[in-house]
Amino acid sequence: MRERHRIHGNPFSVRGDVEVPDWRERFGRDAEIAVDVGFGRGAFLLDLAAQHSEWNVVGIEIRDHLVRAVTDEAKQRGLHNLDALVANANAHFDVLFDDASLAFVSVNFPDPWFKKRHHKRRVVKTEWLDVVARKMCAGARFHAMSDYEPIAQEMLEVLNAHPCFKNVENHGSFAAESTTGIRSEREVYHSGRAQPMNRKHFRRTTA
């Protein structure tokens, strides 16, 4: 019988301490780190590692079966610069990475948590961006995407208002096209149905 899993996980189910890897030892080298938060089935994460061999690419996901699947796939594809772990981005991001060590952060199709009482579970909030900004090096890139316009607009407003992030789009709005050239499985799904994508592209400021 095929094992069934929930499409979305509950971030509050991953709340305790997390083992903090020694990234230099884990990858066998010193390199800037790229982080994909909530990578799902991992198509974007795998292609990110394949296209950016100069980065140590780390995926964070709260569903352990997806972590196992993507790390197995990375081994099969010989992507030695990719690793993934079970962690809660809201609870664990601060301890997982050194300050000024990240060159890239992406959040693709985060769970919108439609009910108002669950909005606290959403990832891209000012408090979380404070932590992320501290972990990013100057000029590092932040990418986010959603098919759900209300949460996309919320993320855009929070990012535009944050002093440590500058919208790459001169008009301060959504990006008109892909900001990475890499497509996730969710993006392929929605694009195939002519559903709009709301893409955001920001840089970590030097201030």
N, C-alpha and C. Protein backbone atom coordinates (compact mmCIF):
# COMPACT_ATOMS: atom_id res chain seq x y z
N MET A 1 0.84 -1.19 0.00
CA MET A 1 0.00 0.00 0.00
C MET A 1 0.88 1.25 0.00
N ARG A 2 0.51 2.22 -0.86
CA ARG A 2 1.30 3.44 -0.95
C ARG A 2 1.14 4.28 0.30
N GLU A 3 2.28 4.75 0.82
CA GLU A 3 2.24 5.58 2.02
C GLU A 3 1.67 6.95 1.68
N ARG A 4 0.74 7.43 2.50
CA ARG A 4 0.12 8.72 2.27
C ARG A 4 0.64 9.74 3.27
N HIS A 5 0.80 10.97 2.78
CA HIS A 5 1.31 12.04 3.64
C HIS A 5 0.47 13.29 3.42
N ARG A 6 0.42 14.12 4.43
CA ARG A 6 -0.26 15.40 4.33
C ARG A 6 0.51 16.33 3.41
N ILE A 7 -0.24 17.15 2.64
CA ILE A 7 0.40 18.13 1.76
C ILE A 7 1.13 19.18 2.59
N HIS A 8 0.50 19.63 3.66
CA HIS A 8 1.11 20.62 4.55
C HIS A 8 1.35 19.99 5.92
N GLY A 9 2.41 20.45 6.55
CA GLY A 9 2.70 19.98 7.90
C GLY A 9 2.43 21.07 8.90
N ASN A 10 2.35 20.68 10.15
CA ASN A 10 2.14 21.64 11.23
C ASN A 10 3.50 22.05 11.78
N PRO A 11 3.88 23.33 11.62
CA PRO A 11 5.20 23.74 12.11
C PRO A 11 5.37 23.59 13.61
N PHE A 12 4.25 23.58 14.36
CA PHE A 12 4.35 23.44 15.81
C PHE A 12 4.67 22.00 16.22
N SER A 13 4.68 21.08 15.24
CA SER A 13 5.08 19.71 15.54
C SER A 13 6.59 19.57 15.56
N VAL A 14 7.32 20.59 15.10
CA VAL A 14 8.78 20.58 15.10
C VAL A 14 9.21 21.81 15.89
N ARG A 15 9.27 21.66 17.21
CA ARG A 15 9.48 22.83 18.07
C ARG A 15 10.68 22.73 19.00
N GLY A 16 11.12 21.53 19.31
CA GLY A 16 12.19 21.38 20.29
C GLY A 16 13.54 21.77 19.73
N ASP A 17 14.59 21.40 20.45
CA ASP A 17 15.93 21.67 19.99
C ASP A 17 16.21 20.89 18.71
N VAL A 18 17.05 21.45 17.88
CA VAL A 18 17.47 20.79 16.65
C VAL A 18 18.99 20.65 16.68
N GLU A 19 19.48 19.53 16.16
CA GLU A 19 20.93 19.34 16.09
C GLU A 19 21.51 20.31 15.07
N VAL A 20 22.47 21.09 15.51
CA VAL A 20 23.06 22.11 14.64
C VAL A 20 24.29 21.52 13.95
N PRO A 21 24.23 21.36 12.63
CA PRO A 21 25.37 20.76 11.92
C PRO A 21 26.57 21.70 11.89
N ASP A 22 27.74 21.11 11.80
CA ASP A 22 28.94 21.86 11.45
C ASP A 22 28.97 21.84 9.92
N TRP A 23 28.55 22.94 9.30
CA TRP A 23 28.38 22.93 7.85
C TRP A 23 29.69 22.70 7.11
N ARG A 24 30.80 23.19 7.65
CA ARG A 24 32.09 22.95 7.00
C ARG A 24 32.40 21.46 6.99
N GLU A 25 32.15 20.80 8.12
CA GLU A 25 32.40 19.36 8.20
C GLU A 25 31.39 18.60 7.35
N ARG A 26 30.13 19.03 7.36
CA ARG A 26 29.09 18.33 6.61
C ARG A 26 29.37 18.36 5.10
N PHE A 27 29.82 19.50 4.58
CA PHE A 27 30.06 19.62 3.15
C PHE A 27 31.51 19.38 2.76
N GLY A 28 32.40 19.39 3.74
CA GLY A 28 33.81 19.18 3.44
C GLY A 28 34.49 20.37 2.83
N ARG A 29 33.92 21.55 3.05
CA ARG A 29 34.52 22.77 2.50
C ARG A 29 33.87 23.99 3.13
N ASP A 30 34.54 25.13 2.98
CA ASP A 30 33.96 26.41 3.35
C ASP A 30 33.34 27.02 2.10
N ALA A 31 32.11 27.45 2.19
CA ALA A 31 31.45 28.09 1.06
C ALA A 31 30.24 28.85 1.58
N GLU A 32 29.82 29.86 0.82
CA GLU A 32 28.59 30.55 1.17
C GLU A 32 27.43 29.57 1.07
N ILE A 33 26.42 29.83 1.86
CA ILE A 33 25.28 28.90 1.97
C ILE A 33 24.04 29.50 1.31
N ALA A 34 23.31 28.65 0.60
CA ALA A 34 21.99 29.00 0.07
C ALA A 34 20.97 28.14 0.80
N VAL A 35 19.85 28.75 1.20
CA VAL A 35 18.84 28.04 1.98
C VAL A 35 17.50 28.12 1.26
N ASP A 36 16.86 26.95 1.10
CA ASP A 36 15.50 26.89 0.57
C ASP A 36 14.58 26.43 1.70
N VAL A 37 13.65 27.28 2.07
CA VAL A 37 12.77 27.02 3.21
C VAL A 37 11.47 26.35 2.74
N GLY A 38 11.17 25.18 3.31
CA GLY A 38 9.95 24.47 2.95
C GLY A 38 9.98 23.98 1.52
N PHE A 39 10.94 23.12 1.21
CA PHE A 39 11.23 22.78 -0.19
C PHE A 39 10.25 21.78 -0.81
N GLY A 40 9.34 21.22 -0.04
CA GLY A 40 8.35 20.31 -0.62
C GLY A 40 8.99 19.08 -1.25
N ARG A 41 8.63 18.80 -2.50
CA ARG A 41 9.20 17.63 -3.18
C ARG A 41 10.62 17.86 -3.67
N GLY A 42 11.09 19.10 -3.63
CA GLY A 42 12.51 19.37 -3.79
C GLY A 42 13.01 19.67 -5.19
N ALA A 43 12.15 19.85 -6.17
CA ALA A 43 12.63 20.12 -7.53
C ALA A 43 13.46 21.39 -7.58
N PHE A 44 12.98 22.45 -6.93
CA PHE A 44 13.72 23.72 -6.92
C PHE A 44 15.04 23.55 -6.19
N LEU A 45 15.02 22.90 -5.04
CA LEU A 45 16.22 22.71 -4.24
C LEU A 45 17.29 21.95 -5.01
N LEU A 46 16.90 20.88 -5.67
CA LEU A 46 17.85 20.06 -6.43
C LEU A 46 18.45 20.84 -7.59
N ASP A 47 17.63 21.58 -8.31
CA ASP A 47 18.15 22.36 -9.44
C ASP A 47 19.01 23.52 -8.96
N LEU A 48 18.67 24.08 -7.81
CA LEU A 48 19.50 25.15 -7.25
C LEU A 48 20.91 24.65 -6.98
N ALA A 49 21.01 23.47 -6.38
CA ALA A 49 22.33 22.89 -6.11
C ALA A 49 23.06 22.54 -7.40
N ALA A 50 22.33 22.04 -8.40
CA ALA A 50 22.95 21.67 -9.67
C ALA A 50 23.49 22.88 -10.41
N GLN A 51 22.80 24.01 -10.31
CA GLN A 51 23.19 25.20 -11.06
C GLN A 51 24.18 26.09 -10.31
N HIS A 52 24.32 25.85 -9.01
CA HIS A 52 25.21 26.70 -8.21
C HIS A 52 26.16 25.83 -7.38
N SER A 53 27.11 25.27 -8.05
CA SER A 53 28.08 24.40 -7.37
C SER A 53 28.96 25.19 -6.41
N GLU A 54 28.98 26.52 -6.55
CA GLU A 54 29.80 27.34 -5.66
C GLU A 54 29.19 27.49 -4.27
N TRP A 55 27.91 27.14 -4.12
CA TRP A 55 27.22 27.25 -2.85
C TRP A 55 27.06 25.91 -2.16
N ASN A 56 27.05 25.93 -0.85
CA ASN A 56 26.54 24.81 -0.06
C ASN A 56 25.04 25.04 0.10
N VAL A 57 24.24 24.17 -0.46
CA VAL A 57 22.79 24.38 -0.53
C VAL A 57 22.10 23.55 0.55
N VAL A 58 21.28 24.21 1.37
CA VAL A 58 20.61 23.57 2.50
C VAL A 58 19.10 23.73 2.35
N GLY A 59 18.38 22.63 2.49
CA GLY A 59 16.93 22.67 2.49
C GLY A 59 16.38 22.45 3.89
N ILE A 60 15.40 23.25 4.27
CA ILE A 60 14.73 23.12 5.57
C ILE A 60 13.28 22.70 5.31
N GLU A 61 12.86 21.65 5.98
CA GLU A 61 11.51 21.13 5.77
C GLU A 61 11.03 20.48 7.06
N ILE A 62 9.73 20.59 7.36
CA ILE A 62 9.21 20.01 8.60
C ILE A 62 8.68 18.59 8.41
N ARG A 63 8.65 18.11 7.16
CA ARG A 63 8.16 16.75 6.91
C ARG A 63 9.34 15.84 6.60
N ASP A 64 9.59 14.88 7.49
CA ASP A 64 10.81 14.08 7.40
C ASP A 64 10.86 13.19 6.16
N HIS A 65 9.70 12.74 5.65
CA HIS A 65 9.73 11.89 4.46
C HIS A 65 10.22 12.67 3.24
N LEU A 66 9.97 13.98 3.20
CA LEU A 66 10.46 14.79 2.09
C LEU A 66 11.96 15.04 2.23
N VAL A 67 12.44 15.16 3.44
CA VAL A 67 13.88 15.29 3.66
C VAL A 67 14.60 14.04 3.20
N ARG A 68 14.07 12.88 3.57
CA ARG A 68 14.69 11.63 3.14
C ARG A 68 14.69 11.50 1.62
N ALA A 69 13.59 11.85 1.01
CA ALA A 69 13.47 11.72 -0.44
C ALA A 69 14.45 12.62 -1.18
N VAL A 70 14.58 13.87 -0.75
CA VAL A 70 15.44 14.79 -1.48
C VAL A 70 16.92 14.48 -1.25
N THR A 71 17.28 14.03 -0.06
CA THR A 71 18.68 13.68 0.16
C THR A 71 19.06 12.42 -0.62
N ASP A 72 18.14 11.48 -0.75
CA ASP A 72 18.39 10.30 -1.57
C ASP A 72 18.57 10.69 -3.04
N GLU A 73 17.71 11.59 -3.50
CA GLU A 73 17.80 12.04 -4.90
C GLU A 73 19.10 12.80 -5.14
N ALA A 74 19.53 13.60 -4.17
CA ALA A 74 20.79 14.33 -4.31
C ALA A 74 21.97 13.38 -4.44
N LYS A 75 21.95 12.31 -3.66
CA LYS A 75 23.02 11.31 -3.75
C LYS A 75 23.03 10.65 -5.12
N GLN A 76 21.85 10.32 -5.62
CA GLN A 76 21.76 9.68 -6.92
C GLN A 76 22.26 10.59 -8.04
N ARG A 77 22.04 11.89 -7.89
CA ARG A 77 22.47 12.85 -8.90
C ARG A 77 23.88 13.37 -8.66
N GLY A 78 24.53 12.90 -7.60
CA GLY A 78 25.89 13.32 -7.32
C GLY A 78 26.01 14.78 -6.90
N LEU A 79 24.97 15.29 -6.24
CA LEU A 79 24.98 16.68 -5.79
C LEU A 79 25.55 16.74 -4.37
N HIS A 80 26.85 16.80 -4.29
CA HIS A 80 27.51 16.76 -2.99
C HIS A 80 27.41 18.09 -2.24
N ASN A 81 26.93 19.11 -2.91
CA ASN A 81 26.77 20.43 -2.28
C ASN A 81 25.37 20.65 -1.77
N LEU A 82 24.59 19.58 -1.63
CA LEU A 82 23.20 19.69 -1.12
C LEU A 82 23.02 18.85 0.12
N ASP A 83 22.34 19.43 1.10
CA ASP A 83 21.94 18.70 2.29
C ASP A 83 20.58 19.24 2.73
N ALA A 84 19.86 18.46 3.49
CA ALA A 84 18.54 18.88 3.96
C ALA A 84 18.33 18.33 5.36
N LEU A 85 17.49 19.01 6.11
CA LEU A 85 17.23 18.57 7.47
C LEU A 85 15.83 18.95 7.90
N VAL A 86 15.33 18.20 8.88
CA VAL A 86 14.04 18.49 9.47
C VAL A 86 14.22 19.61 10.49
N ALA A 87 13.59 20.73 10.23
CA ALA A 87 13.69 21.88 11.13
C ALA A 87 12.53 22.82 10.85
N ASN A 88 12.26 23.65 11.83
CA ASN A 88 11.21 24.67 11.73
C ASN A 88 11.90 26.00 11.51
N ALA A 89 11.68 26.60 10.35
CA ALA A 89 12.37 27.85 10.02
C ALA A 89 12.11 28.93 11.05
N ASN A 90 10.89 29.03 11.57
CA ASN A 90 10.57 30.05 12.56
C ASN A 90 11.31 29.83 13.87
N ALA A 91 11.47 28.57 14.26
CA ALA A 91 12.05 28.26 15.56
C ALA A 91 13.56 28.06 15.52
N HIS A 92 14.09 27.60 14.38
CA HIS A 92 15.47 27.11 14.36
C HIS A 92 16.43 27.89 13.47
N PHE A 93 15.94 28.80 12.65
CA PHE A 93 16.81 29.48 11.69
C PHE A 93 17.98 30.16 12.38
N ASP A 94 17.73 30.76 13.51
CA ASP A 94 18.77 31.53 14.21
C ASP A 94 19.94 30.66 14.64
N VAL A 95 19.67 29.43 15.05
CA VAL A 95 20.75 28.58 15.56
C VAL A 95 21.43 27.78 14.46
N LEU A 96 20.80 27.64 13.32
CA LEU A 96 21.33 26.78 12.27
C LEU A 96 22.47 27.41 11.48
N PHE A 97 22.49 28.74 11.40
CA PHE A 97 23.44 29.40 10.52
C PHE A 97 24.17 30.53 11.23
N ASP A 98 25.44 30.70 10.86
CA ASP A 98 26.23 31.80 11.41
C ASP A 98 25.77 33.12 10.80
N ASP A 99 26.03 34.19 11.51
CA ASP A 99 25.72 35.51 10.97
C ASP A 99 26.54 35.77 9.71
N ALA A 100 25.95 36.46 8.76
CA ALA A 100 26.60 36.86 7.51
C ALA A 100 27.18 35.68 6.72
N SER A 101 26.49 34.54 6.77
CA SER A 101 26.99 33.35 6.07
C SER A 101 26.14 32.94 4.87
N LEU A 102 24.98 33.57 4.70
CA LEU A 102 24.05 33.14 3.65
C LEU A 102 24.11 34.07 2.45
N ALA A 103 24.19 33.47 1.26
CA ALA A 103 24.21 34.22 0.01
C ALA A 103 22.85 34.25 -0.66
N PHE A 104 21.95 33.37 -0.21
CA PHE A 104 20.67 33.20 -0.92
C PHE A 104 19.68 32.55 0.04
N VAL A 105 18.44 33.05 0.02
CA VAL A 105 17.35 32.44 0.78
C VAL A 105 16.11 32.45 -0.11
N SER A 106 15.40 31.34 -0.16
CA SER A 106 14.17 31.28 -0.94
C SER A 106 13.04 30.68 -0.10
N VAL A 107 11.84 31.20 -0.34
CA VAL A 107 10.63 30.69 0.30
C VAL A 107 9.59 30.57 -0.82
N ASN A 108 9.40 29.36 -1.33
CA ASN A 108 8.50 29.15 -2.45
C ASN A 108 7.19 28.50 -2.01
N PHE A 109 6.09 29.16 -2.30
CA PHE A 109 4.75 28.64 -2.00
C PHE A 109 4.59 28.23 -0.53
N PRO A 110 4.85 29.15 0.38
CA PRO A 110 4.65 28.81 1.80
C PRO A 110 3.18 28.54 2.09
N ASP A 111 2.93 27.70 3.06
CA ASP A 111 1.56 27.41 3.45
C ASP A 111 0.87 28.72 3.86
N PRO A 112 -0.27 29.06 3.22
CA PRO A 112 -0.92 30.34 3.53
C PRO A 112 -1.64 30.38 4.87
N TRP A 113 -1.92 29.22 5.46
CA TRP A 113 -2.64 29.19 6.74
C TRP A 113 -3.84 30.15 6.67
N PHE A 114 -4.85 29.74 5.96
CA PHE A 114 -5.97 30.60 5.62
C PHE A 114 -6.71 31.16 6.85
N LYS A 115 -6.93 30.34 7.87
CA LYS A 115 -7.70 30.80 9.02
C LYS A 115 -6.92 31.86 9.80
N LYS A 116 -7.63 32.88 10.22
CA LYS A 116 -6.98 34.01 10.89
C LYS A 116 -6.22 33.57 12.14
N ARG A 117 -6.77 32.62 12.88
CA ARG A 117 -6.09 32.19 14.11
C ARG A 117 -4.80 31.45 13.82
N HIS A 118 -4.61 31.05 12.57
CA HIS A 118 -3.39 30.33 12.19
C HIS A 118 -2.36 31.23 11.50
N HIS A 119 -2.68 32.50 11.33
CA HIS A 119 -1.75 33.39 10.63
C HIS A 119 -0.39 33.45 11.31
N LYS A 120 -0.36 33.21 12.61
CA LYS A 120 0.92 33.23 13.35
C LYS A 120 1.87 32.15 12.85
N ARG A 121 1.36 31.16 12.13
CA ARG A 121 2.21 30.09 11.61
C ARG A 121 2.89 30.45 10.30
N ARG A 122 2.47 31.55 9.69
CA ARG A 122 3.09 31.96 8.44
C ARG A 122 4.56 32.29 8.66
N VAL A 123 5.36 32.04 7.63
CA VAL A 123 6.81 32.15 7.78
C VAL A 123 7.30 33.59 7.68
N VAL A 124 6.94 34.27 6.60
CA VAL A 124 7.55 35.58 6.32
C VAL A 124 6.87 36.67 7.14
N LYS A 125 7.44 36.90 8.29
CA LYS A 125 7.00 37.94 9.22
C LYS A 125 8.20 38.83 9.55
N THR A 126 7.92 40.03 10.05
CA THR A 126 9.00 40.97 10.35
C THR A 126 10.01 40.37 11.31
N GLU A 127 9.55 39.70 12.36
CA GLU A 127 10.46 39.14 13.36
C GLU A 127 11.37 38.08 12.74
N TRP A 128 10.83 37.27 11.84
CA TRP A 128 11.65 36.25 11.19
C TRP A 128 12.64 36.89 10.24
N LEU A 129 12.22 37.93 9.52
CA LEU A 129 13.13 38.61 8.60
C LEU A 129 14.27 39.30 9.35
N ASP A 130 14.03 39.73 10.58
CA ASP A 130 15.11 40.28 11.40
C ASP A 130 16.22 39.26 11.56
N VAL A 131 15.85 38.02 11.83
CA VAL A 131 16.82 36.94 11.99
C VAL A 131 17.50 36.64 10.66
N VAL A 132 16.70 36.49 9.62
CA VAL A 132 17.25 36.15 8.30
C VAL A 132 18.23 37.22 7.84
N ALA A 133 17.90 38.48 8.04
CA ALA A 133 18.79 39.57 7.61
C ALA A 133 20.15 39.46 8.29
N ARG A 134 20.13 39.10 9.57
CA ARG A 134 21.39 38.97 10.30
C ARG A 134 22.24 37.81 9.77
N LYS A 135 21.60 36.80 9.27
CA LYS A 135 22.32 35.63 8.76
C LYS A 135 22.84 35.83 7.34
N MET A 136 22.28 36.79 6.61
CA MET A 136 22.67 37.02 5.22
C MET A 136 23.85 37.97 5.12
N CYS A 137 24.69 37.73 4.13
CA CYS A 137 25.78 38.66 3.87
C CYS A 137 25.24 39.83 3.04
N ALA A 138 25.96 40.93 3.02
CA ALA A 138 25.53 42.09 2.25
C ALA A 138 25.41 41.73 0.78
N GLY A 139 24.31 42.12 0.17
CA GLY A 139 24.08 41.82 -1.24
C GLY A 139 23.45 40.48 -1.50
N ALA A 140 23.25 39.67 -0.46
CA ALA A 140 22.62 38.37 -0.63
C ALA A 140 21.19 38.54 -1.14
N ARG A 141 20.70 37.52 -1.80
CA ARG A 141 19.39 37.61 -2.44
C ARG A 141 18.32 36.84 -1.67
N PHE A 142 17.13 37.40 -1.64
CA PHE A 142 15.97 36.76 -1.03
C PHE A 142 14.89 36.65 -2.09
N HIS A 143 14.41 35.42 -2.31
CA HIS A 143 13.38 35.17 -3.31
C HIS A 143 12.17 34.53 -2.62
N ALA A 144 10.98 34.93 -3.03
CA ALA A 144 9.77 34.31 -2.52
C ALA A 144 8.74 34.26 -3.63
N MET A 145 7.83 33.29 -3.53
CA MET A 145 6.83 33.11 -4.56
C MET A 145 5.58 32.50 -3.96
N SER A 146 4.42 32.90 -4.49
CA SER A 146 3.16 32.30 -4.06
C SER A 146 2.12 32.47 -5.16
N ASP A 147 1.24 31.49 -5.25
CA ASP A 147 0.11 31.59 -6.17
C ASP A 147 -1.10 32.23 -5.48
N TYR A 148 -1.04 32.35 -4.16
CA TYR A 148 -2.16 32.87 -3.38
C TYR A 148 -1.94 34.36 -3.14
N GLU A 149 -2.66 35.20 -3.87
CA GLU A 149 -2.39 36.63 -3.89
C GLU A 149 -2.42 37.30 -2.52
N PRO A 150 -3.37 36.98 -1.62
CA PRO A 150 -3.37 37.65 -0.32
C PRO A 150 -2.08 37.46 0.48
N ILE A 151 -1.56 36.23 0.53
CA ILE A 151 -0.32 36.04 1.29
C ILE A 151 0.87 36.61 0.53
N ALA A 152 0.81 36.56 -0.81
CA ALA A 152 1.88 37.17 -1.60
C ALA A 152 1.95 38.67 -1.34
N GLN A 153 0.81 39.31 -1.27
CA GLN A 153 0.76 40.75 -1.00
C GLN A 153 1.25 41.04 0.42
N GLU A 154 0.89 40.19 1.36
CA GLU A 154 1.35 40.37 2.73
C GLU A 154 2.87 40.26 2.81
N MET A 155 3.45 39.26 2.14
CA MET A 155 4.90 39.11 2.15
C MET A 155 5.57 40.30 1.50
N LEU A 156 5.01 40.77 0.39
CA LEU A 156 5.59 41.92 -0.32
C LEU A 156 5.60 43.16 0.58
N GLU A 157 4.51 43.40 1.28
CA GLU A 157 4.43 44.57 2.15
C GLU A 157 5.43 44.48 3.30
N VAL A 158 5.56 43.29 3.89
CA VAL A 158 6.50 43.12 5.00
C VAL A 158 7.93 43.32 4.52
N LEU A 159 8.26 42.76 3.36
CA LEU A 159 9.61 42.90 2.83
C LEU A 159 9.91 44.34 2.42
N ASN A 160 8.96 44.99 1.76
CA ASN A 160 9.16 46.39 1.35
C ASN A 160 9.38 47.30 2.55
N ALA A 161 8.76 46.96 3.68
CA ALA A 161 8.85 47.80 4.87
C ALA A 161 10.10 47.53 5.70
N HIS A 162 10.80 46.43 5.41
CA HIS A 162 11.94 46.06 6.24
C HIS A 162 13.19 46.85 5.82
N PRO A 163 13.88 47.48 6.77
CA PRO A 163 15.04 48.32 6.41
C PRO A 163 16.24 47.56 5.87
N CYS A 164 16.29 46.24 6.07
CA CYS A 164 17.45 45.47 5.63
C CYS A 164 17.28 44.84 4.26
N PHE A 165 16.14 45.06 3.63
CA PHE A 165 15.88 44.45 2.32
C PHE A 165 15.46 45.52 1.32
N LYS A 166 16.00 45.42 0.11
CA LYS A 166 15.66 46.34 -0.97
C LYS A 166 15.03 45.56 -2.11
N ASN A 167 13.88 46.00 -2.56
CA ASN A 167 13.18 45.37 -3.67
C ASN A 167 13.97 45.61 -4.95
N VAL A 168 14.33 44.54 -5.64
CA VAL A 168 15.08 44.66 -6.88
C VAL A 168 14.23 45.31 -7.97
N GLU A 169 12.92 45.14 -7.89
CA GLU A 169 12.03 45.78 -8.84
C GLU A 169 11.95 47.28 -8.52
N ASN A 170 12.27 48.11 -9.47
CA ASN A 170 12.32 49.55 -9.22
C ASN A 170 10.99 50.12 -8.75
N HIS A 171 9.91 49.50 -9.19
CA HIS A 171 8.60 50.00 -8.80
C HIS A 171 8.14 49.42 -7.46
N GLY A 172 8.98 48.61 -6.83
CA GLY A 172 8.67 48.09 -5.50
C GLY A 172 7.55 47.08 -5.46
N SER A 173 7.30 46.42 -6.58
CA SER A 173 6.18 45.50 -6.64
C SER A 173 6.68 44.08 -6.92
N PHE A 174 5.80 43.24 -7.45
CA PHE A 174 6.17 41.88 -7.79
C PHE A 174 7.07 41.88 -9.02
N ALA A 175 7.87 40.83 -9.14
CA ALA A 175 8.70 40.66 -10.33
C ALA A 175 7.83 40.15 -11.48
N ALA A 176 8.12 40.64 -12.68
CA ALA A 176 7.30 40.29 -13.84
C ALA A 176 7.57 38.89 -14.35
N GLU A 177 8.72 38.33 -14.01
CA GLU A 177 9.08 37.00 -14.48
C GLU A 177 9.93 36.30 -13.44
N SER A 178 10.35 35.07 -13.76
CA SER A 178 11.12 34.28 -12.80
C SER A 178 12.34 35.05 -12.31
N THR A 179 12.57 35.01 -11.02
CA THR A 179 13.71 35.72 -10.43
C THR A 179 14.93 34.83 -10.27
N THR A 180 14.80 33.57 -10.59
CA THR A 180 15.93 32.63 -10.43
C THR A 180 16.21 31.80 -11.67
N GLY A 181 15.25 31.67 -12.56
CA GLY A 181 15.40 30.79 -13.70
C GLY A 181 15.23 29.33 -13.35
N ILE A 182 14.83 29.07 -12.10
CA ILE A 182 14.62 27.70 -11.62
C ILE A 182 13.16 27.55 -11.25
N ARG A 183 12.54 26.47 -11.65
CA ARG A 183 11.11 26.28 -11.42
C ARG A 183 10.87 25.16 -10.41
N SER A 184 9.98 25.42 -9.47
CA SER A 184 9.58 24.38 -8.53
C SER A 184 8.43 23.59 -9.14
N GLU A 185 8.14 22.44 -8.55
CA GLU A 185 7.04 21.63 -9.07
C GLU A 185 5.70 22.35 -8.94
N ARG A 186 5.56 23.15 -7.89
CA ARG A 186 4.32 23.91 -7.72
C ARG A 186 4.20 25.00 -8.80
N GLU A 187 5.30 25.61 -9.15
CA GLU A 187 5.26 26.63 -10.19
C GLU A 187 4.88 26.01 -11.54
N VAL A 188 5.43 24.85 -11.82
CA VAL A 188 5.09 24.16 -13.07
C VAL A 188 3.60 23.84 -13.09
N TYR A 189 3.08 23.36 -11.95
CA TYR A 189 1.67 23.00 -11.85
C TYR A 189 0.77 24.20 -12.13
N HIS A 190 1.03 25.31 -11.44
CA HIS A 190 0.16 26.48 -11.57
C HIS A 190 0.34 27.16 -12.93
N SER A 191 1.56 27.21 -13.43
CA SER A 191 1.79 27.83 -14.73
C SER A 191 1.09 27.06 -15.84
N GLY A 192 1.05 25.75 -15.72
CA GLY A 192 0.38 24.93 -16.70
C GLY A 192 -1.11 25.18 -16.75
N ARG A 193 -1.65 25.78 -15.73
CA ARG A 193 -3.07 26.11 -15.67
C ARG A 193 -3.30 27.62 -15.83
N ALA A 194 -2.27 28.29 -16.30
CA ALA A 194 -2.34 29.73 -16.56
C ALA A 194 -2.74 30.51 -15.31
N GLN A 195 -2.32 30.02 -14.16
CA GLN A 195 -2.61 30.71 -12.91
C GLN A 195 -1.46 31.66 -12.59
N PRO A 196 -1.75 32.86 -12.11
CA PRO A 196 -0.70 33.86 -11.90
C PRO A 196 0.28 33.49 -10.80
N MET A 197 1.53 33.87 -11.02
CA MET A 197 2.58 33.70 -10.02
C MET A 197 2.92 35.08 -9.45
N ASN A 198 3.08 35.15 -8.15
CA ASN A 198 3.47 36.39 -7.48
C ASN A 198 4.89 36.22 -6.96
N ARG A 199 5.84 36.79 -7.67
CA ARG A 199 7.26 36.59 -7.36
C ARG A 199 7.85 37.84 -6.72
N LYS A 200 8.72 37.60 -5.75
CA LYS A 200 9.39 38.71 -5.06
C LYS A 200 10.90 38.49 -5.08
N HIS A 201 11.65 39.56 -5.33
CA HIS A 201 13.11 39.48 -5.42
C HIS A 201 13.70 40.66 -4.67
N PHE A 202 14.41 40.35 -3.58
CA PHE A 202 15.01 41.39 -2.74
C PHE A 202 16.49 41.12 -2.54
N ARG A 203 17.22 42.17 -2.21
CA ARG A 203 18.63 42.05 -1.84
C ARG A 203 18.83 42.54 -0.42
N ARG A 204 19.75 41.90 0.26
CA ARG A 204 20.13 42.34 1.60
C ARG A 204 20.95 43.61 1.46
N THR A 205 20.53 44.68 2.10
CA THR A 205 21.25 45.94 1.99
C THR A 205 22.53 45.90 2.82
N THR A 206 23.40 46.85 2.58
CA THR A 206 24.67 46.91 3.32
C THR A 206 24.51 47.57 4.67
N ALA A 207 23.42 48.32 4.85
CA ALA A 207 23.22 49.05 6.11
C ALA A 207 22.76 48.11 7.20
